[in-house]
């Protein structure tokens, strides 16, 4: 029963982190859109922030998947 709760928690953590990352990304894009500078000058910042935000999200997902695999491995050993 405890493992099922952990799997549900991991699934919800993935969903919440994805929603938060998309929210932060949309906020960053809105900041760039409102900036009076021409967009071609903002492109490096836009690309950099996008890569950073989704890179962090990928790291979080990999960590949660590693945790999930460890739980399954411990369950199989028992």
N, C-alpha and C. Protein backbone atom coordinates (compact mmCIF):
# COMPACT_ATOMS: atom_id res chain seq x y z
N UNK A 1 0.82 -1.20 0.00
CA UNK A 1 0.00 0.00 0.00
C UNK A 1 0.87 1.26 0.00
N UNK A 2 1.96 1.19 0.75
CA UNK A 2 2.83 2.35 0.85
C UNK A 2 3.46 2.69 -0.50
N UNK A 3 3.83 1.66 -1.27
CA UNK A 3 4.43 1.90 -2.58
C UNK A 3 3.44 2.55 -3.54
N UNK A 4 2.20 2.17 -3.45
CA UNK A 4 1.17 2.76 -4.33
C UNK A 4 1.05 4.25 -4.03
N UNK A 5 1.08 4.62 -2.78
CA UNK A 5 1.01 6.03 -2.41
C UNK A 5 2.22 6.80 -2.92
N UNK A 6 3.40 6.18 -2.86
CA UNK A 6 4.60 6.82 -3.38
C UNK A 6 4.52 7.02 -4.89
N UNK A 7 4.00 6.02 -5.61
CA UNK A 7 3.85 6.14 -7.06
C UNK A 7 2.87 7.25 -7.42
N UNK A 8 1.80 7.37 -6.67
CA UNK A 8 0.83 8.43 -6.90
C UNK A 8 1.46 9.79 -6.62
N UNK A 9 2.24 9.86 -5.54
CA UNK A 9 2.89 11.12 -5.20
C UNK A 9 3.91 11.51 -6.28
N UNK A 10 4.66 10.55 -6.79
CA UNK A 10 5.63 10.84 -7.84
C UNK A 10 4.93 11.32 -9.10
N UNK A 11 3.81 10.69 -9.43
CA UNK A 11 3.05 11.11 -10.61
C UNK A 11 2.57 12.56 -10.46
N UNK A 12 2.07 12.90 -9.28
CA UNK A 12 1.59 14.26 -9.06
C UNK A 12 2.73 15.27 -9.00
N UNK A 13 3.88 14.86 -8.47
CA UNK A 13 5.04 15.75 -8.46
C UNK A 13 5.49 16.06 -9.89
N UNK A 14 5.43 15.06 -10.76
CA UNK A 14 5.77 15.28 -12.17
C UNK A 14 4.81 16.28 -12.80
N UNK A 15 3.54 16.10 -12.54
CA UNK A 15 2.53 17.00 -13.11
C UNK A 15 2.69 18.43 -12.60
N UNK A 16 2.90 18.56 -11.30
CA UNK A 16 3.03 19.89 -10.70
C UNK A 16 4.29 20.58 -11.20
N UNK A 17 5.39 19.84 -11.28
CA UNK A 17 6.63 20.46 -11.76
C UNK A 17 6.52 20.86 -13.23
N UNK A 18 5.83 20.06 -14.04
CA UNK A 18 5.64 20.43 -15.45
C UNK A 18 4.77 21.68 -15.56
N UNK A 19 3.70 21.75 -14.79
CA UNK A 19 2.82 22.93 -14.83
C UNK A 19 3.57 24.17 -14.35
N UNK A 20 4.37 24.01 -13.30
CA UNK A 20 5.14 25.15 -12.79
C UNK A 20 6.16 25.62 -13.81
N UNK A 21 6.83 24.69 -14.47
CA UNK A 21 7.83 25.06 -15.48
C UNK A 21 7.18 25.79 -16.65
N UNK A 22 6.04 25.32 -17.09
CA UNK A 22 5.34 25.98 -18.19
C UNK A 22 4.87 27.36 -17.75
N UNK A 23 4.40 27.48 -16.52
CA UNK A 23 3.99 28.79 -16.00
C UNK A 23 5.14 29.78 -15.94
N UNK A 24 6.29 29.33 -15.44
CA UNK A 24 7.47 30.20 -15.38
C UNK A 24 7.91 30.57 -16.79
N UNK A 25 7.88 29.61 -17.70
CA UNK A 25 8.27 29.88 -19.09
C UNK A 25 7.34 30.90 -19.74
N UNK A 26 6.04 30.75 -19.53
CA UNK A 26 5.08 31.72 -20.09
C UNK A 26 5.30 33.11 -19.50
N UNK A 27 5.59 33.17 -18.20
CA UNK A 27 5.87 34.46 -17.58
C UNK A 27 7.11 35.10 -18.21
N UNK A 28 8.16 34.31 -18.40
CA UNK A 28 9.39 34.83 -19.01
C UNK A 28 9.12 35.33 -20.43
N UNK A 29 8.35 34.59 -21.20
CA UNK A 29 8.02 35.00 -22.57
C UNK A 29 7.22 36.30 -22.55
N UNK A 30 6.29 36.42 -21.60
CA UNK A 30 5.50 37.65 -21.51
C UNK A 30 6.39 38.84 -21.16
N UNK A 31 7.38 38.65 -20.32
CA UNK A 31 8.32 39.72 -19.98
C UNK A 31 9.08 40.15 -21.24
N UNK A 32 9.50 39.18 -22.04
CA UNK A 32 10.23 39.51 -23.27
C UNK A 32 9.33 40.21 -24.28
N UNK A 33 8.08 39.81 -24.35
CA UNK A 33 7.15 40.43 -25.30
C UNK A 33 6.89 41.88 -24.93
N UNK A 34 6.80 42.18 -23.64
CA UNK A 34 6.51 43.55 -23.19
C UNK A 34 7.73 44.47 -23.26
N UNK A 35 8.91 43.91 -23.44
CA UNK A 35 10.13 44.72 -23.49
C UNK A 35 10.12 45.57 -24.76
N UNK A 36 10.50 46.85 -24.67
CA UNK A 36 10.46 47.71 -25.84
C UNK A 36 11.57 47.43 -26.87
N UNK A 37 12.56 46.64 -26.50
CA UNK A 37 13.65 46.34 -27.43
C UNK A 37 13.14 45.47 -28.57
N UNK A 38 13.78 45.55 -29.74
CA UNK A 38 13.37 44.68 -30.85
C UNK A 38 13.58 43.21 -30.47
N UNK A 39 12.71 42.38 -30.99
CA UNK A 39 12.73 40.96 -30.60
C UNK A 39 14.05 40.29 -30.97
N UNK A 40 14.65 40.69 -32.08
CA UNK A 40 15.90 40.03 -32.49
C UNK A 40 17.01 40.25 -31.47
N UNK A 41 16.92 41.30 -30.67
CA UNK A 41 17.89 41.51 -29.60
C UNK A 41 17.57 40.66 -28.37
N UNK A 42 16.33 40.27 -28.24
CA UNK A 42 15.90 39.48 -27.08
C UNK A 42 15.96 37.97 -27.33
N UNK A 43 16.17 37.57 -28.58
CA UNK A 43 16.17 36.15 -28.92
C UNK A 43 17.16 35.34 -28.07
N UNK A 44 18.40 35.79 -27.87
CA UNK A 44 19.30 34.97 -27.04
C UNK A 44 18.78 34.76 -25.61
N UNK A 45 18.17 35.80 -25.05
CA UNK A 45 17.62 35.66 -23.69
C UNK A 45 16.42 34.72 -23.68
N UNK A 46 15.61 34.82 -24.72
CA UNK A 46 14.43 33.96 -24.83
C UNK A 46 14.86 32.50 -24.95
N UNK A 47 15.83 32.26 -25.83
CA UNK A 47 16.32 30.88 -26.02
C UNK A 47 17.01 30.37 -24.76
N UNK A 48 17.81 31.21 -24.14
CA UNK A 48 18.52 30.80 -22.94
C UNK A 48 17.59 30.48 -21.79
N UNK A 49 16.59 31.31 -21.60
CA UNK A 49 15.65 31.05 -20.51
C UNK A 49 14.84 29.78 -20.80
N UNK A 50 14.47 29.57 -22.05
CA UNK A 50 13.73 28.37 -22.40
C UNK A 50 14.57 27.13 -22.13
N UNK A 51 15.83 27.14 -22.55
CA UNK A 51 16.70 25.99 -22.33
C UNK A 51 16.93 25.76 -20.84
N UNK A 52 17.11 26.82 -20.08
CA UNK A 52 17.34 26.69 -18.64
C UNK A 52 16.11 26.13 -17.94
N UNK A 53 14.95 26.68 -18.22
CA UNK A 53 13.72 26.24 -17.55
C UNK A 53 13.43 24.78 -17.85
N UNK A 54 13.48 24.39 -19.12
CA UNK A 54 13.14 23.02 -19.46
C UNK A 54 14.29 22.06 -19.17
N UNK A 55 15.52 22.56 -19.06
CA UNK A 55 16.63 21.73 -18.58
C UNK A 55 16.44 21.35 -17.13
N UNK A 56 16.03 22.32 -16.33
CA UNK A 56 15.76 22.04 -14.92
C UNK A 56 14.59 21.07 -14.79
N UNK A 57 13.56 21.26 -15.60
CA UNK A 57 12.41 20.34 -15.59
C UNK A 57 12.86 18.93 -15.95
N UNK A 58 13.72 18.80 -16.94
CA UNK A 58 14.23 17.47 -17.32
C UNK A 58 14.99 16.83 -16.17
N UNK A 59 15.79 17.62 -15.46
CA UNK A 59 16.50 17.09 -14.31
C UNK A 59 15.57 16.62 -13.21
N UNK A 60 14.53 17.38 -12.97
CA UNK A 60 13.53 16.99 -11.96
C UNK A 60 12.86 15.68 -12.36
N UNK A 61 12.48 15.58 -13.65
CA UNK A 61 11.83 14.36 -14.14
C UNK A 61 12.76 13.16 -14.01
N UNK A 62 14.03 13.33 -14.37
CA UNK A 62 14.99 12.23 -14.26
C UNK A 62 15.15 11.79 -12.80
N UNK A 63 15.19 12.75 -11.90
CA UNK A 63 15.28 12.42 -10.48
C UNK A 63 14.07 11.66 -9.98
N UNK A 64 12.89 12.09 -10.40
CA UNK A 64 11.67 11.39 -9.98
C UNK A 64 11.59 10.00 -10.60
N UNK A 65 12.03 9.86 -11.85
CA UNK A 65 12.04 8.54 -12.47
C UNK A 65 13.06 7.62 -11.81
N UNK A 66 14.21 8.17 -11.39
CA UNK A 66 15.20 7.37 -10.67
C UNK A 66 14.62 6.89 -9.35
N UNK A 67 13.93 7.78 -8.65
CA UNK A 67 13.29 7.43 -7.38
C UNK A 67 12.26 6.33 -7.60
N UNK A 68 11.46 6.47 -8.66
CA UNK A 68 10.44 5.48 -8.99
C UNK A 68 11.08 4.12 -9.29
N UNK A 69 12.19 4.12 -10.03
CA UNK A 69 12.88 2.87 -10.36
C UNK A 69 13.44 2.21 -9.11
N UNK A 70 13.96 3.02 -8.18
CA UNK A 70 14.49 2.46 -6.93
C UNK A 70 13.38 1.80 -6.11
N UNK A 71 12.22 2.41 -6.10
CA UNK A 71 11.09 1.83 -5.37
C UNK A 71 10.69 0.50 -5.99
N UNK A 72 10.62 0.46 -7.33
CA UNK A 72 10.27 -0.79 -8.01
C UNK A 72 11.34 -1.86 -7.77
N UNK A 73 12.60 -1.45 -7.76
CA UNK A 73 13.70 -2.39 -7.52
C UNK A 73 13.62 -2.96 -6.12
N UNK A 74 13.34 -2.11 -5.13
CA UNK A 74 13.22 -2.59 -3.75
C UNK A 74 12.02 -3.50 -3.59
N UNK A 75 10.96 -3.22 -4.32
CA UNK A 75 9.76 -4.05 -4.26
C UNK A 75 10.04 -5.42 -4.86
N UNK A 76 10.82 -5.47 -5.95
CA UNK A 76 11.13 -6.73 -6.60
C UNK A 76 12.04 -7.60 -5.73
N UNK A 77 12.90 -6.97 -4.93
CA UNK A 77 13.80 -7.73 -4.05
C UNK A 77 13.07 -8.40 -2.92
N UNK A 78 11.97 -7.83 -2.49
CA UNK A 78 11.22 -8.38 -1.35
C UNK A 78 10.41 -9.56 -1.72
